[in-house]
Amino acid sequence: MKLSIIEPCGFTRLGIYSYLVENNNLDIIDSVNIPKSLKSLHEFQPDVILVNMTQYCHSAELSEELKAFFEYRHTARIYCYIDANYPDCEEPISITREVFILNKQSLTSLLQNIALTPESYMPGNNAGLPRMLFSDQEILVMNYWMSEMPNYRIARKLNISSRTVYVHKRHLAQKIKVRNRLEFCFIYNLIKYLFWPIDDISATPMSRQIKDDLLMIYKAHI
């Protein structure tokens, strides 16, 4: 297995190596950040990427380098970890079949499992994983919610009740294992790159009005 580590802290990179180095079947490279990793990823073509995404979770502005980075999910499994105590889950959460998110405290367990059975983490082993953690309607509610649109307007846009909007928001937070909107927004700044319109190959909404609204949200952060 080929594995790439993207981590700005030298001590953390050494710690990651210490869990993996004894497995001679692992070919490992590392980088300090995503911009410096893009060229090496193209040449190395890793099967698994471990990446510290904390920096990008702090910013709502769209990053072309992060958009380019997520293109590698078509050839590699990407495990994004953040320096926070959420998502409140010991196992990585599968946002898509190829992209997972976890808190940094759970990284040790992931590293131990990769070192023990690297073949189970190969990109082709996606049996049982859903295409996407969220339903199409949840993705729409998520985008409107993160743009600070009130419930009654989201309900009107999607032709659903305000109660249904509230239930969707609760389910979104439960799925991503966060406690409130602030924590959800932190992670949304990262996972939004996996949805239309930022991700061109994702399914687009059927309604022209919804498409226009989401494009407006997208352009507001360019």
N, C-alpha and C. Protein backbone atom coordinates (compact mmCIF):
# COMPACT_ATOMS: atom_id res chain seq x y z
N MET A 1 0.83 -1.20 0.00
CA MET A 1 0.00 0.00 0.00
C MET A 1 0.87 1.25 0.00
N LYS A 2 0.44 2.26 -0.77
CA LYS A 2 1.08 3.56 -0.76
C LYS A 2 0.26 4.51 0.10
N LEU A 3 0.95 5.20 1.03
CA LEU A 3 0.26 6.06 1.98
C LEU A 3 0.94 7.42 2.03
N SER A 4 0.12 8.47 1.99
CA SER A 4 0.65 9.84 2.07
C SER A 4 0.16 10.51 3.34
N ILE A 5 1.09 11.19 4.03
CA ILE A 5 0.77 11.93 5.25
C ILE A 5 0.93 13.42 4.96
N ILE A 6 -0.10 14.19 5.28
CA ILE A 6 -0.03 15.65 5.12
C ILE A 6 -0.31 16.27 6.48
N GLU A 7 0.73 16.78 7.11
CA GLU A 7 0.64 17.25 8.49
C GLU A 7 1.69 18.33 8.73
N PRO A 8 1.28 19.54 9.18
CA PRO A 8 2.23 20.63 9.37
C PRO A 8 3.17 20.45 10.55
N CYS A 9 2.78 19.65 11.54
CA CYS A 9 3.59 19.49 12.75
C CYS A 9 4.57 18.33 12.59
N GLY A 10 5.86 18.63 12.70
CA GLY A 10 6.88 17.60 12.54
C GLY A 10 6.78 16.51 13.60
N PHE A 11 6.44 16.88 14.83
CA PHE A 11 6.32 15.88 15.90
C PHE A 11 5.16 14.92 15.61
N THR A 12 4.06 15.47 15.09
CA THR A 12 2.92 14.61 14.76
C THR A 12 3.25 13.66 13.62
N ARG A 13 3.99 14.17 12.61
CA ARG A 13 4.40 13.29 11.51
C ARG A 13 5.26 12.14 12.03
N LEU A 14 6.20 12.44 12.94
CA LEU A 14 7.03 11.39 13.51
C LEU A 14 6.19 10.39 14.30
N GLY A 15 5.19 10.90 15.00
CA GLY A 15 4.31 10.02 15.76
C GLY A 15 3.52 9.09 14.84
N ILE A 16 3.06 9.62 13.71
CA ILE A 16 2.34 8.79 12.74
C ILE A 16 3.26 7.71 12.18
N TYR A 17 4.48 8.12 11.84
CA TYR A 17 5.46 7.15 11.32
C TYR A 17 5.72 6.03 12.34
N SER A 18 5.74 6.38 13.61
CA SER A 18 6.08 5.38 14.63
C SER A 18 5.05 4.24 14.67
N TYR A 19 3.81 4.53 14.29
CA TYR A 19 2.78 3.49 14.27
C TYR A 19 2.86 2.65 13.00
N LEU A 20 3.40 3.21 11.93
CA LEU A 20 3.33 2.55 10.63
C LEU A 20 4.64 1.93 10.17
N VAL A 21 5.75 2.38 10.74
CA VAL A 21 7.06 2.07 10.17
C VAL A 21 7.40 0.58 10.21
N GLU A 22 6.84 -0.17 11.17
CA GLU A 22 7.19 -1.57 11.29
C GLU A 22 6.55 -2.44 10.21
N ASN A 23 5.57 -1.92 9.51
CA ASN A 23 4.95 -2.68 8.43
C ASN A 23 5.70 -2.40 7.14
N ASN A 24 6.45 -3.38 6.67
CA ASN A 24 7.29 -3.20 5.48
C ASN A 24 6.49 -3.14 4.19
N ASN A 25 5.19 -3.43 4.28
CA ASN A 25 4.34 -3.38 3.08
C ASN A 25 3.79 -1.99 2.82
N LEU A 26 4.15 -1.05 3.66
CA LEU A 26 3.68 0.33 3.49
C LEU A 26 4.77 1.20 2.89
N ASP A 27 4.44 1.87 1.79
CA ASP A 27 5.33 2.84 1.16
C ASP A 27 4.80 4.22 1.51
N ILE A 28 5.57 5.01 2.27
CA ILE A 28 5.05 6.24 2.87
C ILE A 28 5.83 7.47 2.41
N ILE A 29 5.08 8.54 2.09
CA ILE A 29 5.68 9.85 1.88
C ILE A 29 4.94 10.86 2.76
N ASP A 30 5.54 12.02 2.99
CA ASP A 30 4.86 13.03 3.79
C ASP A 30 5.09 14.42 3.23
N SER A 31 4.17 15.33 3.57
CA SER A 31 4.25 16.74 3.18
C SER A 31 3.77 17.58 4.35
N VAL A 32 4.17 18.86 4.36
CA VAL A 32 3.78 19.73 5.46
C VAL A 32 2.42 20.40 5.22
N ASN A 33 1.98 20.49 3.97
CA ASN A 33 0.68 21.09 3.69
C ASN A 33 0.17 20.62 2.33
N ILE A 34 -1.08 20.95 2.04
CA ILE A 34 -1.71 20.49 0.80
C ILE A 34 -1.07 21.09 -0.44
N PRO A 35 -0.78 22.41 -0.48
CA PRO A 35 -0.14 22.95 -1.70
C PRO A 35 1.13 22.22 -2.07
N LYS A 36 1.97 21.89 -1.09
CA LYS A 36 3.23 21.21 -1.39
C LYS A 36 3.02 19.74 -1.73
N SER A 37 1.87 19.20 -1.33
CA SER A 37 1.63 17.79 -1.57
C SER A 37 1.07 17.49 -2.96
N LEU A 38 0.47 18.49 -3.62
CA LEU A 38 -0.27 18.22 -4.85
C LEU A 38 0.60 17.58 -5.94
N LYS A 39 1.80 18.08 -6.13
CA LYS A 39 2.67 17.51 -7.15
C LYS A 39 3.13 16.10 -6.77
N SER A 40 3.50 15.91 -5.51
CA SER A 40 3.97 14.58 -5.10
C SER A 40 2.85 13.56 -5.13
N LEU A 41 1.62 13.98 -4.84
CA LEU A 41 0.49 13.05 -4.91
C LEU A 41 0.27 12.56 -6.34
N HIS A 42 0.43 13.46 -7.29
CA HIS A 42 0.26 13.09 -8.71
C HIS A 42 1.30 12.05 -9.12
N GLU A 43 2.50 12.21 -8.65
CA GLU A 43 3.57 11.28 -9.02
C GLU A 43 3.50 9.98 -8.20
N PHE A 44 3.16 10.10 -6.93
CA PHE A 44 3.19 8.95 -6.02
C PHE A 44 1.95 8.06 -6.17
N GLN A 45 0.79 8.71 -6.42
CA GLN A 45 -0.49 8.02 -6.56
C GLN A 45 -0.78 7.11 -5.36
N PRO A 46 -1.01 7.71 -4.19
CA PRO A 46 -1.23 6.93 -2.97
C PRO A 46 -2.58 6.20 -2.98
N ASP A 47 -2.65 5.15 -2.18
CA ASP A 47 -3.90 4.44 -1.96
C ASP A 47 -4.69 5.08 -0.81
N VAL A 48 -3.96 5.60 0.18
CA VAL A 48 -4.58 6.22 1.35
C VAL A 48 -3.87 7.53 1.64
N ILE A 49 -4.66 8.56 1.99
CA ILE A 49 -4.10 9.86 2.36
C ILE A 49 -4.61 10.22 3.75
N LEU A 50 -3.69 10.52 4.65
CA LEU A 50 -4.01 11.03 5.98
C LEU A 50 -3.69 12.52 5.99
N VAL A 51 -4.65 13.36 6.29
CA VAL A 51 -4.42 14.80 6.16
C VAL A 51 -5.04 15.58 7.31
N ASN A 52 -4.26 16.49 7.90
CA ASN A 52 -4.76 17.40 8.92
C ASN A 52 -5.47 18.56 8.23
N MET A 53 -6.79 18.67 8.44
CA MET A 53 -7.60 19.67 7.74
C MET A 53 -8.02 20.83 8.64
N THR A 54 -7.45 20.94 9.83
CA THR A 54 -7.89 21.95 10.79
C THR A 54 -7.85 23.35 10.19
N GLN A 55 -6.81 23.67 9.47
CA GLN A 55 -6.64 25.01 8.89
C GLN A 55 -7.82 25.39 8.01
N TYR A 56 -8.28 24.44 7.20
CA TYR A 56 -9.35 24.74 6.25
C TYR A 56 -10.72 24.82 6.93
N CYS A 57 -10.88 24.15 8.06
CA CYS A 57 -12.15 24.21 8.78
C CYS A 57 -12.40 25.59 9.38
N HIS A 58 -11.34 26.38 9.56
CA HIS A 58 -11.47 27.71 10.14
C HIS A 58 -11.93 28.76 9.12
N SER A 59 -11.93 28.43 7.84
CA SER A 59 -12.20 29.43 6.81
C SER A 59 -13.40 29.04 5.95
N ALA A 60 -14.32 29.99 5.75
CA ALA A 60 -15.47 29.77 4.87
C ALA A 60 -15.15 30.07 3.42
N GLU A 61 -14.03 30.76 3.18
CA GLU A 61 -13.67 31.10 1.81
C GLU A 61 -13.25 29.85 1.04
N LEU A 62 -13.62 29.82 -0.24
CA LEU A 62 -13.32 28.65 -1.04
C LEU A 62 -11.84 28.62 -1.43
N SER A 63 -11.28 27.44 -1.37
CA SER A 63 -9.86 27.24 -1.68
C SER A 63 -9.73 26.39 -2.93
N GLU A 64 -9.08 26.93 -3.95
CA GLU A 64 -8.87 26.17 -5.18
C GLU A 64 -7.94 24.99 -4.94
N GLU A 65 -6.97 25.15 -4.02
CA GLU A 65 -6.05 24.05 -3.75
C GLU A 65 -6.78 22.89 -3.07
N LEU A 66 -7.74 23.22 -2.20
CA LEU A 66 -8.50 22.15 -1.54
C LEU A 66 -9.44 21.47 -2.53
N LYS A 67 -10.02 22.25 -3.42
CA LYS A 67 -10.87 21.69 -4.47
C LYS A 67 -10.06 20.72 -5.33
N ALA A 68 -8.84 21.12 -5.69
CA ALA A 68 -7.97 20.25 -6.49
C ALA A 68 -7.57 19.01 -5.70
N PHE A 69 -7.32 19.19 -4.40
CA PHE A 69 -6.91 18.06 -3.58
C PHE A 69 -7.96 16.97 -3.54
N PHE A 70 -9.22 17.36 -3.41
CA PHE A 70 -10.28 16.36 -3.28
C PHE A 70 -10.52 15.57 -4.58
N GLU A 71 -9.93 16.00 -5.67
CA GLU A 71 -10.01 15.20 -6.89
C GLU A 71 -9.30 13.86 -6.70
N TYR A 72 -8.38 13.79 -5.74
CA TYR A 72 -7.65 12.55 -5.52
C TYR A 72 -8.51 11.48 -4.85
N ARG A 73 -9.71 11.85 -4.41
CA ARG A 73 -10.58 10.84 -3.81
C ARG A 73 -11.04 9.80 -4.83
N HIS A 74 -10.88 10.10 -6.12
CA HIS A 74 -11.27 9.14 -7.15
C HIS A 74 -10.25 8.01 -7.28
N THR A 75 -9.08 8.18 -6.69
CA THR A 75 -8.05 7.14 -6.76
C THR A 75 -7.53 6.73 -5.39
N ALA A 76 -7.92 7.45 -4.34
CA ALA A 76 -7.40 7.16 -3.00
C ALA A 76 -8.49 7.35 -1.96
N ARG A 77 -8.34 6.66 -0.83
CA ARG A 77 -9.17 6.94 0.33
C ARG A 77 -8.53 8.10 1.09
N ILE A 78 -9.35 9.07 1.49
CA ILE A 78 -8.84 10.24 2.20
C ILE A 78 -9.42 10.28 3.61
N TYR A 79 -8.52 10.30 4.60
CA TYR A 79 -8.93 10.41 6.00
C TYR A 79 -8.53 11.80 6.49
N CYS A 80 -9.55 12.64 6.72
CA CYS A 80 -9.33 14.01 7.19
C CYS A 80 -9.51 14.05 8.70
N TYR A 81 -8.49 14.51 9.42
CA TYR A 81 -8.62 14.64 10.86
C TYR A 81 -8.46 16.10 11.26
N ILE A 82 -9.11 16.45 12.37
CA ILE A 82 -9.09 17.85 12.82
C ILE A 82 -8.72 17.92 14.30
N ASP A 83 -8.09 19.03 14.69
CA ASP A 83 -7.69 19.25 16.08
C ASP A 83 -8.88 19.76 16.88
N ALA A 84 -9.82 18.86 17.15
CA ALA A 84 -11.02 19.19 17.93
C ALA A 84 -11.51 17.92 18.61
N ASN A 85 -12.42 18.08 19.56
CA ASN A 85 -12.96 16.90 20.24
C ASN A 85 -14.23 16.40 19.56
N TYR A 86 -14.47 16.81 18.36
CA TYR A 86 -15.57 16.33 17.53
C TYR A 86 -15.03 16.15 16.10
N PRO A 87 -15.65 15.31 15.30
CA PRO A 87 -16.85 14.52 15.54
C PRO A 87 -16.69 13.62 16.76
N ASP A 88 -17.74 13.50 17.55
CA ASP A 88 -17.69 12.71 18.79
C ASP A 88 -17.93 11.24 18.45
N CYS A 89 -16.90 10.63 17.88
CA CYS A 89 -17.02 9.26 17.42
C CYS A 89 -15.62 8.64 17.38
N GLU A 90 -15.50 7.39 17.82
CA GLU A 90 -14.19 6.74 17.85
C GLU A 90 -13.76 6.25 16.47
N GLU A 91 -14.73 6.00 15.58
CA GLU A 91 -14.43 5.53 14.23
C GLU A 91 -14.55 6.68 13.24
N PRO A 92 -13.77 6.67 12.16
CA PRO A 92 -13.93 7.69 11.13
C PRO A 92 -15.34 7.67 10.54
N ILE A 93 -15.89 8.85 10.27
CA ILE A 93 -17.23 8.96 9.68
C ILE A 93 -17.08 9.04 8.16
N SER A 94 -17.80 8.20 7.46
CA SER A 94 -17.74 8.16 6.00
C SER A 94 -18.67 9.22 5.42
N ILE A 95 -18.10 10.34 4.96
CA ILE A 95 -18.91 11.37 4.31
C ILE A 95 -19.33 10.90 2.92
N THR A 96 -18.38 10.35 2.18
CA THR A 96 -18.65 9.64 0.94
C THR A 96 -17.92 8.29 1.05
N ARG A 97 -17.98 7.50 0.00
CA ARG A 97 -17.28 6.21 0.02
C ARG A 97 -15.76 6.38 0.09
N GLU A 98 -15.28 7.55 -0.29
CA GLU A 98 -13.84 7.76 -0.38
C GLU A 98 -13.29 8.74 0.63
N VAL A 99 -14.14 9.55 1.27
CA VAL A 99 -13.67 10.61 2.17
C VAL A 99 -14.26 10.40 3.56
N PHE A 100 -13.36 10.38 4.55
CA PHE A 100 -13.76 10.15 5.94
C PHE A 100 -13.26 11.31 6.79
N ILE A 101 -13.95 11.53 7.92
CA ILE A 101 -13.51 12.58 8.84
C ILE A 101 -13.49 12.01 10.26
N LEU A 102 -12.52 12.46 11.05
CA LEU A 102 -12.37 12.01 12.42
C LEU A 102 -11.68 13.09 13.24
N ASN A 103 -11.83 13.02 14.56
CA ASN A 103 -11.06 13.93 15.41
C ASN A 103 -9.67 13.37 15.62
N LYS A 104 -8.75 14.24 15.97
CA LYS A 104 -7.34 13.84 16.04
C LYS A 104 -7.10 12.78 17.12
N GLN A 105 -7.92 12.80 18.18
CA GLN A 105 -7.75 11.80 19.24
C GLN A 105 -7.99 10.38 18.74
N SER A 106 -8.80 10.26 17.69
CA SER A 106 -9.13 8.93 17.14
C SER A 106 -8.10 8.46 16.11
N LEU A 107 -7.13 9.32 15.81
CA LEU A 107 -6.14 8.98 14.78
C LEU A 107 -5.28 7.78 15.18
N THR A 108 -4.95 7.67 16.45
CA THR A 108 -4.11 6.57 16.92
C THR A 108 -4.72 5.21 16.58
N SER A 109 -6.01 5.07 16.85
CA SER A 109 -6.71 3.81 16.57
C SER A 109 -6.70 3.51 15.07
N LEU A 110 -6.93 4.53 14.25
CA LEU A 110 -6.90 4.35 12.80
C LEU A 110 -5.53 3.88 12.34
N LEU A 111 -4.47 4.51 12.85
CA LEU A 111 -3.11 4.14 12.46
C LEU A 111 -2.80 2.70 12.84
N GLN A 112 -3.22 2.30 14.03
CA GLN A 112 -2.99 0.92 14.46
C GLN A 112 -3.68 -0.07 13.54
N ASN A 113 -4.90 0.26 13.12
CA ASN A 113 -5.64 -0.64 12.24
C ASN A 113 -5.02 -0.70 10.84
N ILE A 114 -4.55 0.45 10.34
CA ILE A 114 -3.91 0.46 9.03
C ILE A 114 -2.63 -0.37 9.06
N ALA A 115 -1.85 -0.21 10.12
CA ALA A 115 -0.60 -0.97 10.24
C ALA A 115 -0.86 -2.46 10.33
N LEU A 116 -1.98 -2.83 10.99
CA LEU A 116 -2.30 -4.23 11.18
C LEU A 116 -2.87 -4.89 9.93
N THR A 117 -3.82 -4.22 9.27
CA THR A 117 -4.46 -4.79 8.07
C THR A 117 -4.59 -3.72 6.98
N PRO A 118 -3.48 -3.33 6.37
CA PRO A 118 -3.53 -2.26 5.36
C PRO A 118 -4.41 -2.59 4.17
N GLU A 119 -4.52 -3.88 3.82
CA GLU A 119 -5.30 -4.26 2.65
C GLU A 119 -6.78 -3.90 2.80
N SER A 120 -7.28 -3.85 4.03
CA SER A 120 -8.70 -3.52 4.24
C SER A 120 -8.98 -2.04 4.03
N TYR A 121 -7.93 -1.22 3.90
CA TYR A 121 -8.10 0.21 3.69
C TYR A 121 -7.83 0.63 2.25
N MET A 122 -7.67 -0.33 1.38
CA MET A 122 -7.46 -0.01 -0.03
C MET A 122 -8.72 0.64 -0.61
N PRO A 123 -8.56 1.53 -1.60
CA PRO A 123 -9.71 2.26 -2.15
C PRO A 123 -10.84 1.37 -2.66
N GLY A 124 -10.51 0.17 -3.15
CA GLY A 124 -11.54 -0.69 -3.72
C GLY A 124 -12.44 -1.35 -2.70
N ASN A 125 -12.06 -1.30 -1.41
CA ASN A 125 -12.84 -1.97 -0.37
C ASN A 125 -13.92 -1.05 0.18
N ASN A 126 -14.92 -0.77 -0.65
CA ASN A 126 -15.99 0.15 -0.25
C ASN A 126 -17.32 -0.56 -0.05
N ALA A 127 -17.30 -1.89 0.01
CA ALA A 127 -18.54 -2.65 0.17
C ALA A 127 -19.26 -2.24 1.44
N GLY A 128 -20.55 -1.95 1.30
CA GLY A 128 -21.35 -1.59 2.45
C GLY A 128 -21.36 -0.11 2.78
N LEU A 129 -20.48 0.67 2.15
CA LEU A 129 -20.45 2.11 2.41
C LEU A 129 -21.43 2.83 1.48
N PRO A 130 -22.24 3.76 2.00
CA PRO A 130 -23.16 4.50 1.14
C PRO A 130 -22.40 5.46 0.23
N ARG A 131 -23.02 5.80 -0.89
CA ARG A 131 -22.40 6.76 -1.80
C ARG A 131 -22.18 8.09 -1.11
N MET A 132 -23.13 8.48 -0.26
CA MET A 132 -23.06 9.75 0.45
C MET A 132 -23.74 9.61 1.80
N LEU A 133 -23.18 10.23 2.83
CA LEU A 133 -23.76 10.15 4.17
C LEU A 133 -25.12 10.83 4.23
N PHE A 134 -25.32 11.88 3.43
CA PHE A 134 -26.53 12.68 3.49
C PHE A 134 -27.43 12.43 2.29
N SER A 135 -28.74 12.59 2.51
CA SER A 135 -29.70 12.53 1.40
C SER A 135 -29.61 13.82 0.59
N ASP A 136 -30.18 13.81 -0.61
CA ASP A 136 -30.17 15.02 -1.45
C ASP A 136 -30.85 16.19 -0.74
N GLN A 137 -31.98 15.91 -0.07
CA GLN A 137 -32.69 16.99 0.61
C GLN A 137 -31.90 17.51 1.81
N GLU A 138 -31.21 16.62 2.50
CA GLU A 138 -30.36 17.05 3.62
C GLU A 138 -29.24 17.96 3.14
N ILE A 139 -28.68 17.66 1.98
CA ILE A 139 -27.61 18.50 1.43
C ILE A 139 -28.14 19.90 1.12
N LEU A 140 -29.36 19.98 0.57
CA LEU A 140 -29.95 21.28 0.28
C LEU A 140 -30.21 22.05 1.58
N VAL A 141 -30.80 21.38 2.57
CA VAL A 141 -31.05 22.03 3.86
C VAL A 141 -29.74 22.50 4.47
N MET A 142 -28.71 21.66 4.39
CA MET A 142 -27.39 21.99 4.94
C MET A 142 -26.85 23.29 4.33
N ASN A 143 -26.90 23.40 3.01
CA ASN A 143 -26.37 24.59 2.36
C ASN A 143 -27.14 25.84 2.75
N TYR A 144 -28.47 25.75 2.78
CA TYR A 144 -29.27 26.91 3.19
C TYR A 144 -29.02 27.26 4.66
N TRP A 145 -28.92 26.24 5.50
CA TRP A 145 -28.67 26.44 6.93
C TRP A 145 -27.35 27.16 7.14
N MET A 146 -26.31 26.72 6.45
CA MET A 146 -25.00 27.33 6.61
C MET A 146 -24.92 28.73 6.01
N SER A 147 -25.88 29.08 5.15
CA SER A 147 -25.95 30.45 4.63
C SER A 147 -26.81 31.33 5.53
N GLU A 148 -27.23 30.79 6.69
CA GLU A 148 -27.99 31.50 7.73
C GLU A 148 -29.41 31.83 7.30
N MET A 149 -29.97 31.05 6.40
CA MET A 149 -31.36 31.22 6.00
C MET A 149 -32.28 30.68 7.09
N PRO A 150 -33.33 31.42 7.50
CA PRO A 150 -34.23 30.93 8.56
C PRO A 150 -35.05 29.72 8.10
N ASN A 151 -35.55 28.98 9.07
CA ASN A 151 -36.27 27.73 8.77
C ASN A 151 -37.47 27.93 7.85
N TYR A 152 -38.24 28.98 8.08
CA TYR A 152 -39.46 29.17 7.30
C TYR A 152 -39.14 29.40 5.82
N ARG A 153 -38.01 30.08 5.55
CA ARG A 153 -37.63 30.30 4.16
C ARG A 153 -37.08 29.03 3.51
N ILE A 154 -36.33 28.24 4.29
CA ILE A 154 -35.86 26.95 3.77
C ILE A 154 -37.07 26.07 3.44
N ALA A 155 -38.06 26.07 4.34
CA ALA A 155 -39.27 25.27 4.12
C ALA A 155 -39.98 25.69 2.84
N ARG A 156 -40.06 26.99 2.62
CA ARG A 156 -40.73 27.50 1.42
C ARG A 156 -39.95 27.13 0.17
N LYS A 157 -38.62 27.20 0.23
CA LYS A 157 -37.78 26.87 -0.93
C LYS A 157 -37.97 25.41 -1.35
N LEU A 158 -38.05 24.52 -0.34
CA LEU A 158 -38.06 23.09 -0.61
C LEU A 158 -39.47 22.50 -0.58
N ASN A 159 -40.46 23.36 -0.31
CA ASN A 159 -41.87 22.92 -0.26
C ASN A 159 -42.07 21.84 0.81
N ILE A 160 -41.50 22.10 1.98
CA ILE A 160 -41.66 21.20 3.11
C ILE A 160 -42.05 22.05 4.32
N SER A 161 -42.38 21.42 5.43
CA SER A 161 -42.77 22.18 6.62
C SER A 161 -41.54 22.63 7.41
N SER A 162 -41.74 23.66 8.22
CA SER A 162 -40.65 24.13 9.09
C SER A 162 -40.23 23.04 10.07
N ARG A 163 -41.19 22.21 10.48
CA ARG A 163 -40.87 21.09 11.37
C ARG A 163 -39.93 20.11 10.68
N THR A 164 -40.15 19.85 9.38
CA THR A 164 -39.28 18.94 8.62
C THR A 164 -37.88 19.52 8.50
N VAL A 165 -37.80 20.84 8.32
CA VAL A 165 -36.49 21.50 8.27
C VAL A 165 -35.75 21.28 9.58
N TYR A 166 -36.45 21.47 10.69
CA TYR A 166 -35.85 21.28 12.02
C TYR A 166 -35.35 19.85 12.17
N VAL A 167 -36.16 18.86 11.74
CA VAL A 167 -35.77 17.45 11.85
C VAL A 167 -34.54 17.17 11.00
N HIS A 168 -34.48 17.74 9.79
CA HIS A 168 -33.30 17.57 8.93
C HIS A 168 -32.05 18.11 9.61
N LYS A 169 -32.16 19.27 10.22
CA LYS A 169 -31.00 19.86 10.90
C LYS A 169 -30.53 18.96 12.04
N ARG A 170 -31.47 18.43 12.78
CA ARG A 170 -31.12 17.54 13.89
C ARG A 170 -30.42 16.28 13.35
N HIS A 171 -30.94 15.73 12.27
CA HIS A 171 -30.33 14.53 11.68
C HIS A 171 -28.93 14.84 11.15
N LEU A 172 -28.76 16.01 10.55
CA LEU A 172 -27.44 16.39 10.04
C LEU A 172 -26.41 16.42 11.16
N ALA A 173 -26.79 17.05 12.28
CA ALA A 173 -25.87 17.13 13.42
C ALA A 173 -25.59 15.74 14.00
N GLN A 174 -26.61 14.90 14.04
CA GLN A 174 -26.44 13.54 14.57
C GLN A 174 -25.51 12.71 13.68
N LYS A 175 -25.67 12.85 12.37
CA LYS A 175 -24.86 12.07 11.45
C LYS A 175 -23.38 12.45 11.51
N ILE A 176 -23.13 13.73 11.72
CA ILE A 176 -21.74 14.19 11.74
C ILE A 176 -21.18 14.22 13.16
N LYS A 177 -22.02 13.83 14.14
CA LYS A 177 -21.60 13.68 15.54
C LYS A 177 -21.10 15.00 16.13
N VAL A 178 -21.91 16.06 15.95
CA VAL A 178 -21.59 17.35 16.57
C VAL A 178 -22.77 17.79 17.43
N ARG A 179 -22.53 18.81 18.29
CA ARG A 179 -23.54 19.20 19.27
C ARG A 179 -24.32 20.45 18.87
N ASN A 180 -23.79 21.28 17.99
CA ASN A 180 -24.46 22.54 17.70
C ASN A 180 -24.06 23.06 16.32
N ARG A 181 -24.64 24.20 15.94
CA ARG A 181 -24.40 24.78 14.63
C ARG A 181 -22.94 25.20 14.44
N LEU A 182 -22.32 25.71 15.50
CA LEU A 182 -20.93 26.16 15.40
C LEU A 182 -20.01 25.01 15.04
N GLU A 183 -20.17 23.88 15.71
CA GLU A 183 -19.35 22.71 15.41
C GLU A 183 -19.66 22.18 14.01
N PHE A 184 -20.94 22.20 13.64
CA PHE A 184 -21.30 21.73 12.30
C PHE A 184 -20.68 22.63 11.23
N CYS A 185 -20.72 23.94 11.46
CA CYS A 185 -20.16 24.89 10.49
C CYS A 185 -18.67 24.65 10.30
N PHE A 186 -17.96 24.34 11.38
CA PHE A 186 -16.53 24.06 11.33
C PHE A 186 -16.23 22.92 10.36
N ILE A 187 -17.02 21.86 10.45
CA ILE A 187 -16.83 20.71 9.58
C ILE A 187 -17.39 20.97 8.18
N TYR A 188 -18.47 21.74 8.10
CA TYR A 188 -19.06 22.07 6.79
C TYR A 188 -18.06 22.79 5.90
N ASN A 189 -17.21 23.63 6.48
CA ASN A 189 -16.20 24.34 5.68
C ASN A 189 -15.29 23.38 4.93
N LEU A 190 -15.24 22.14 5.38
CA LEU A 190 -14.43 21.12 4.73
C LEU A 190 -15.27 20.25 3.79
N ILE A 191 -16.37 19.71 4.29
CA ILE A 191 -17.12 18.73 3.50
C ILE A 191 -17.91 19.35 2.35
N LYS A 192 -18.09 20.67 2.36
CA LYS A 192 -18.84 21.31 1.26
C LYS A 192 -18.16 21.11 -0.09
N TYR A 193 -16.87 20.78 -0.09
CA TYR A 193 -16.16 20.56 -1.35
C TYR A 193 -16.60 19.27 -2.03
N LEU A 194 -17.39 18.46 -1.35
CA LEU A 194 -17.83 17.19 -1.90
C LEU A 194 -19.22 17.27 -2.51
N PHE A 195 -19.84 18.46 -2.48
CA PHE A 195 -21.20 18.63 -2.96
C PHE A 195 -21.24 19.62 -4.13
N TRP A 196 -22.27 19.49 -4.95
CA TRP A 196 -22.51 20.47 -6.01
C TRP A 196 -22.91 21.81 -5.36
N PRO A 197 -22.47 22.95 -5.90
CA PRO A 197 -21.77 23.18 -7.18
C PRO A 197 -20.25 23.16 -7.10
N ILE A 198 -19.67 23.05 -5.90
CA ILE A 198 -18.21 23.05 -5.83
C ILE A 198 -17.65 21.81 -6.50
N ASP A 199 -18.31 20.68 -6.26
CA ASP A 199 -17.91 19.44 -6.92
C ASP A 199 -18.77 19.25 -8.16
N ASP A 200 -18.16 19.43 -9.32
CA ASP A 200 -18.92 19.44 -10.58
C ASP A 200 -19.61 18.12 -10.90
N ILE A 201 -19.06 17.00 -10.41
CA ILE A 201 -19.63 15.70 -10.78
C ILE A 201 -20.73 15.24 -9.83
N SER A 202 -20.96 15.97 -8.74
CA SER A 202 -22.04 15.60 -7.83
C SER A 202 -23.40 15.88 -8.48
N ALA A 203 -24.40 15.14 -8.03
CA ALA A 203 -25.74 15.31 -8.57
C ALA A 203 -26.24 16.73 -8.29
N THR A 204 -26.84 17.35 -9.30
CA THR A 204 -27.36 18.71 -9.16
C THR A 204 -28.83 18.68 -8.77
N PRO A 205 -29.32 19.71 -8.06
CA PRO A 205 -30.75 19.78 -7.72
C PRO A 205 -31.61 19.85 -8.98
N MET A 206 -32.82 19.33 -8.89
CA MET A 206 -33.72 19.33 -10.05
C MET A 206 -34.29 20.72 -10.32
N SER A 207 -34.55 21.48 -9.24
CA SER A 207 -35.19 22.78 -9.38
C SER A 207 -34.19 23.84 -9.86
N ARG A 208 -34.57 24.59 -10.86
CA ARG A 208 -33.73 25.68 -11.36
C ARG A 208 -33.51 26.74 -10.30
N GLN A 209 -34.56 27.02 -9.49
CA GLN A 209 -34.45 28.03 -8.45
C GLN A 209 -33.44 27.61 -7.39
N ILE A 210 -33.48 26.33 -7.01
CA ILE A 210 -32.54 25.84 -6.01
C ILE A 210 -31.12 25.88 -6.55
N LYS A 211 -30.94 25.52 -7.83
CA LYS A 211 -29.62 25.61 -8.45
C LYS A 211 -29.09 27.04 -8.39
N ASP A 212 -29.96 27.99 -8.74
CA ASP A 212 -29.54 29.39 -8.72
C ASP A 212 -29.18 29.86 -7.30
N ASP A 213 -29.97 29.42 -6.32
CA ASP A 213 -29.71 29.80 -4.93
C ASP A 213 -28.36 29.25 -4.45
N LEU A 214 -28.08 27.97 -4.76
CA LEU A 214 -26.84 27.37 -4.32
C LEU A 214 -25.63 27.98 -5.03
N LEU A 215 -25.83 28.34 -6.29
CA LEU A 215 -24.75 29.05 -7.00
C LEU A 215 -24.47 30.39 -6.36
N MET A 216 -25.53 31.07 -5.88
CA MET A 216 -25.36 32.36 -5.21
C MET A 216 -24.58 32.17 -3.90
N ILE A 217 -24.91 31.12 -3.15
CA ILE A 217 -24.18 30.82 -1.91
C ILE A 217 -22.71 30.56 -2.22
N TYR A 218 -22.50 29.79 -3.27
CA TYR A 218 -21.14 29.44 -3.70
C TYR A 218 -20.34 30.69 -4.07
N LYS A 219 -20.94 31.57 -4.88
CA LYS A 219 -20.23 32.78 -5.36
C LYS A 219 -19.97 33.76 -4.23
N ALA A 220 -20.80 33.72 -3.19
CA ALA A 220 -20.63 34.64 -2.06
C ALA A 220 -19.35 34.35 -1.29
N HIS A 221 -18.77 33.16 -1.47
CA HIS A 221 -17.58 32.79 -0.71
C HIS A 221 -16.35 32.66 -1.59
N ILE A 222 -16.45 33.06 -2.86
CA ILE A 222 -15.28 33.01 -3.75
C ILE A 222 -14.36 34.18 -3.42
